Amino acid sequence: MTALFREDSYLKECTATVIAAGPDGVSLDQTVFYPTGGGQPGDSGVLVLADGTQIRVVEARKGAGPDDVLHILEEGSLLPKPGDAIIARIDWDRRYRHMRMHSCLHVLCSLIDGDVTGGQVGDGKGRLDFNLAEAPDKEVLSEALNRVIAEDHMISPRWISDQELASSPDLVRTMSVAPPTGFGSVRLLEIEGVDLQACGGTHVARTAEIGKVVVRKIENKGKQNRRINLAFDEA
């Protein structure tokens, strides 16, 4: 399967051919649907058949291979047939909010001197847990985040080999989840002049697209575990 979202997060739809369809989901030869992983929710949307019938996709999940995506249909939906030509179309507004927040969490990483112990991208909100002895000041952190966002840094993916990643372990910020290796290359996400780390998620092209954010609260989740909760500032 060709995972089109890997190179272009802004693709809203694509044509595709059904490879298989069953109770575990629908497999396509290519897709714009991002599958749940790395703390980012899987996309929802529709598969549009040749006659215009729309089949609701409630979630995309990872399949067996590194880029295999299973499109999970709404319960009771008509199954397309292998060989059917369809249009795969994501719920773009939801995806774009995920992209903005995921990029924001990478900016947050650049401002915290601690390993990431967990995290979650949400719809308009997100969180990261850090291995920290003391919590940062909430107001100071909000100000720093918005300053970097407003500087409008370019954001882009690039790839390195498994060997290059092994020689640069600092490119992996998460303690609980390691990027997939053994397939020849690993995807990095670079915020120019700000942050560089392994990531397979979808992101905006520039930090200004994130918009204004606020640190809602910082929680103590253990002896050295601080949870920082963010949200878009809709005020």
Protein backbone atom coordinates (compact mmCIF):
# COMPACT_ATOMS: atom_id res chain seq x y z
CA MET A 1 0.00 0.00 0.00
CA THR A 2 1.15 3.54 -0.76
CA ALA A 3 0.70 5.78 2.28
CA LEU A 4 0.22 9.11 0.51
CA PHE A 5 -0.06 11.05 3.78
CA ARG A 6 3.61 10.33 4.52
CA GLU A 7 4.76 12.82 1.88
CA ASP A 8 1.78 15.19 1.70
CA SER A 9 -0.32 15.73 4.82
CA TYR A 10 -2.60 18.12 2.92
CA LEU A 11 -4.10 15.55 0.56
CA LYS A 12 -7.81 15.37 1.35
CA GLU A 13 -8.72 12.51 -0.98
CA CYS A 14 -7.33 10.09 -3.54
CA THR A 15 -8.52 7.52 -6.02
CA ALA A 16 -7.81 3.94 -5.00
CA THR A 17 -8.56 0.31 -5.77
CA VAL A 18 -9.97 -2.04 -3.14
CA ILE A 19 -7.53 -4.85 -2.40
CA ALA A 20 -9.55 -6.65 0.28
CA ALA A 21 -12.67 -6.04 2.37
CA GLY A 22 -13.95 -7.89 5.40
CA PRO A 23 -14.92 -7.60 9.08
CA ASP A 24 -11.40 -6.39 9.97
CA GLY A 25 -11.59 -3.46 7.56
CA VAL A 26 -10.95 -2.43 3.98
CA SER A 27 -7.48 -2.45 2.41
CA LEU A 28 -6.67 -0.19 -0.55
CA ASP A 29 -3.72 0.05 -2.93
CA GLN A 30 -3.12 3.63 -1.70
CA THR A 31 -4.70 5.93 0.85
CA VAL A 32 -4.75 9.38 2.43
CA PHE A 33 -6.08 7.96 5.74
CA TYR A 34 -3.61 8.18 8.63
CA PRO A 35 -3.91 5.14 10.95
CA THR A 36 -3.98 5.44 14.75
CA GLY A 37 -0.43 5.52 16.06
CA GLY A 38 2.22 7.59 17.77
CA GLY A 39 -0.38 9.27 19.95
CA GLN A 40 -2.33 10.58 16.94
CA PRO A 41 -5.90 9.33 16.30
CA GLY A 42 -6.68 7.59 13.03
CA ASP A 43 -8.57 9.52 10.38
CA SER A 44 -12.28 9.21 9.75
CA GLY A 45 -14.05 9.94 6.46
CA VAL A 46 -15.75 8.13 3.60
CA LEU A 47 -15.09 5.72 0.76
CA VAL A 48 -17.04 6.85 -2.31
CA LEU A 49 -18.07 4.10 -4.74
CA ALA A 50 -18.34 4.58 -8.52
CA ASP A 51 -22.11 5.12 -8.27
CA GLY A 52 -21.69 7.86 -5.66
CA THR A 53 -22.55 5.71 -2.63
CA GLN A 54 -20.60 6.87 0.44
CA ILE A 55 -19.41 4.32 3.00
CA ARG A 56 -18.50 5.81 6.36
CA VAL A 57 -15.00 5.11 7.71
CA VAL A 58 -15.06 5.55 11.49
CA GLU A 59 -11.33 4.97 12.04
CA ALA A 60 -8.14 4.01 10.24
CA ARG A 61 -5.86 1.47 11.94
CA LYS A 62 -2.46 -0.02 11.18
CA GLY A 63 -2.33 -3.29 9.29
CA ALA A 64 0.37 -5.96 9.25
CA GLY A 65 2.99 -4.09 7.21
CA PRO A 66 4.70 -0.76 8.01
CA ASP A 67 2.42 1.22 5.68
CA ASP A 68 -0.64 -1.05 5.65
CA VAL A 69 -3.84 0.77 6.64
CA LEU A 70 -7.16 -0.83 7.54
CA HIS A 71 -10.20 1.38 6.96
CA ILE A 72 -12.74 0.46 9.66
CA LEU A 73 -16.28 0.90 8.42
CA GLU A 74 -19.35 1.99 10.33
CA GLU A 75 -21.20 -1.04 11.68
CA GLY A 76 -23.67 -2.48 9.18
CA SER A 77 -22.04 -0.77 6.18
CA LEU A 78 -22.06 -2.30 2.71
CA LEU A 79 -18.66 -3.84 1.94
CA PRO A 80 -16.98 -2.79 -1.32
CA LYS A 81 -15.62 -5.59 -3.48
CA PRO A 82 -11.97 -6.28 -4.31
CA GLY A 83 -11.15 -4.52 -7.56
CA ASP A 84 -13.67 -1.71 -7.00
CA ALA A 85 -12.42 1.75 -7.93
CA ILE A 86 -13.24 4.21 -5.14
CA ILE A 87 -12.40 7.66 -3.82
CA ALA A 88 -10.96 7.72 -0.29
CA ARG A 89 -11.84 11.04 1.36
CA ILE A 90 -10.88 12.07 4.91
CA ASP A 91 -12.74 14.32 7.34
CA TRP A 92 -10.36 17.18 6.60
CA ASP A 93 -11.39 19.61 9.36
CA ARG A 94 -10.74 16.95 12.02
CA ARG A 95 -7.44 15.89 10.44
CA TYR A 96 -6.22 19.50 10.19
CA ARG A 97 -6.88 20.06 13.89
CA HIS A 98 -4.84 16.92 14.60
CA MET A 99 -2.02 18.22 12.37
CA ARG A 100 -1.94 21.58 14.13
CA MET A 101 -1.88 20.03 17.60
CA HIS A 102 0.70 17.37 16.70
CA SER A 103 3.04 20.07 15.40
CA CYS A 104 2.40 22.09 18.55
CA LEU A 105 3.49 19.13 20.71
CA HIS A 106 6.78 19.02 18.81
CA VAL A 107 7.29 22.71 19.59
CA LEU A 108 6.57 21.89 23.23
CA CYS A 109 9.29 19.19 23.10
CA SER A 110 11.81 21.80 22.03
CA LEU A 111 11.11 23.86 25.15
CA ILE A 112 11.27 21.07 27.75
CA ASP A 113 14.55 19.50 28.82
CA GLY A 114 13.21 16.04 29.59
CA ASP A 115 12.35 12.75 27.89
CA VAL A 116 8.76 12.18 26.75
CA THR A 117 7.10 9.37 28.72
CA GLY A 118 3.70 9.52 27.00
CA GLY A 119 1.39 11.71 24.99
CA GLN A 120 -1.83 12.10 23.04
CA VAL A 121 -3.00 14.27 20.16
CA GLY A 122 -6.65 15.27 20.52
CA ASP A 123 -9.20 17.28 18.58
CA GLY A 124 -8.29 20.82 19.67
CA LYS A 125 -6.23 19.65 22.61
CA GLY A 126 -3.23 17.48 23.42
CA ARG A 127 -0.82 16.44 26.14
CA LEU A 128 2.73 15.27 26.68
CA ASP A 129 4.19 13.62 29.77
CA PHE A 130 7.82 14.41 30.61
CA ASN A 131 10.39 12.86 32.89
CA LEU A 132 10.88 15.99 35.04
CA ALA A 133 11.61 16.53 38.71
CA GLU A 134 9.84 19.90 38.76
CA ALA A 135 7.01 21.34 36.70
CA PRO A 136 7.66 24.39 34.52
CA ASP A 137 5.73 27.62 35.09
CA LYS A 138 2.46 27.42 33.16
CA GLU A 139 2.30 31.07 32.10
CA VAL A 140 5.96 31.26 31.10
CA LEU A 141 5.60 28.08 29.03
CA SER A 142 2.46 29.37 27.27
CA GLU A 143 4.28 32.55 26.34
CA ALA A 144 7.30 30.65 25.01
CA LEU A 145 5.12 28.30 22.95
CA ASN A 146 3.23 31.11 21.29
CA ARG A 147 6.43 33.02 20.57
CA VAL A 148 7.94 30.07 18.67
CA ILE A 149 4.64 29.41 16.86
CA ALA A 150 4.38 33.05 15.74
CA GLU A 151 7.94 32.95 14.36
CA ASP A 152 6.50 30.83 11.53
CA HIS A 153 9.21 28.18 11.21
CA MET A 154 9.05 25.80 8.26
CA ILE A 155 8.05 22.19 9.08
CA SER A 156 9.05 19.32 6.79
CA PRO A 157 9.72 15.56 6.84
CA ARG A 158 12.94 13.84 5.83
CA TRP A 159 14.25 10.31 5.98
CA ILE A 160 17.36 8.69 7.43
CA SER A 161 18.61 5.11 7.49
CA ASP A 162 18.20 2.77 10.44
CA GLN A 163 21.96 2.98 10.94
CA GLU A 164 21.90 6.80 11.08
CA LEU A 165 19.14 6.66 13.68
CA ALA A 166 21.08 4.15 15.77
CA SER A 167 24.06 6.52 15.81
CA SER A 168 21.86 9.48 16.85
CA PRO A 169 19.64 8.19 19.70
CA ASP A 170 18.75 11.77 20.70
CA LEU A 171 16.44 11.87 17.64
CA VAL A 172 14.02 9.64 19.57
CA ARG A 173 12.39 11.69 22.33
CA THR A 174 9.82 9.13 23.49
CA MET A 175 10.77 6.63 26.19
CA SER A 176 7.68 4.42 25.74
CA VAL A 177 7.37 4.24 21.94
CA ALA A 178 10.23 3.65 19.51
CA PRO A 179 9.96 4.39 15.77
CA PRO A 180 9.65 1.31 13.55
CA THR A 181 13.01 0.09 12.26
CA GLY A 182 14.08 -2.81 10.10
CA PHE A 183 12.48 -1.41 6.94
CA GLY A 184 15.54 0.50 5.74
CA SER A 185 14.60 4.07 6.63
CA VAL A 186 13.00 6.14 9.40
CA ARG A 187 10.99 9.32 8.97
CA LEU A 188 12.05 12.48 10.82
CA LEU A 189 10.03 15.64 11.35
CA GLU A 190 12.02 18.88 11.32
CA ILE A 191 10.84 22.25 12.60
CA GLU A 192 13.53 24.44 11.10
CA GLY A 193 15.79 25.85 13.78
CA VAL A 194 13.57 24.45 16.55
CA ASP A 195 13.24 20.66 16.68
CA LEU A 196 14.20 17.45 14.90
CA GLN A 197 12.93 14.03 15.94
CA ALA A 198 11.60 10.74 14.61
CA CYS A 199 7.88 10.94 13.81
CA GLY A 200 5.50 9.28 11.36
CA GLY A 201 2.51 11.56 12.00
CA THR A 202 0.88 14.30 9.93
CA HIS A 203 1.87 17.93 10.44
CA VAL A 204 1.27 21.45 9.17
CA ALA A 205 3.82 23.12 6.87
CA ARG A 206 4.65 26.10 9.09
CA THR A 207 4.32 26.80 12.82
CA ALA A 208 2.08 29.85 12.30
CA GLU A 209 -0.66 27.47 11.09
CA ILE A 210 -0.86 26.04 14.60
CA GLY A 211 -2.46 29.23 15.91
CA LYS A 212 -2.46 30.51 19.45
CA VAL A 213 -2.39 27.89 22.21
CA VAL A 214 -2.58 27.83 25.98
CA VAL A 215 -1.12 25.52 28.63
CA ARG A 216 -4.31 24.53 30.46
CA LYS A 217 -2.75 22.68 33.36
CA ILE A 218 0.37 20.81 34.46
CA GLU A 219 -0.24 17.65 36.49
CA ASN A 220 1.97 15.60 38.76
CA LYS A 221 1.68 12.00 37.54
CA GLY A 222 4.49 10.48 39.56
CA LYS A 223 7.80 11.18 41.26
CA GLN A 224 9.34 12.53 38.04
CA ASN A 225 6.42 12.57 35.63
CA ARG A 226 4.80 15.89 34.71
CA ARG A 227 1.81 15.99 32.33
CA ILE A 228 1.48 19.19 30.30
CA ASN A 229 -1.99 19.74 28.83
CA LEU A 230 -2.43 22.11 25.87
CA ALA A 231 -5.44 23.44 23.99
CA PHE A 232 -6.08 25.86 21.15
CA ASP A 233 -6.81 29.33 22.50
CA GLU A 234 -10.21 29.99 20.92
CA ALA A 235 -10.77 33.23 22.82
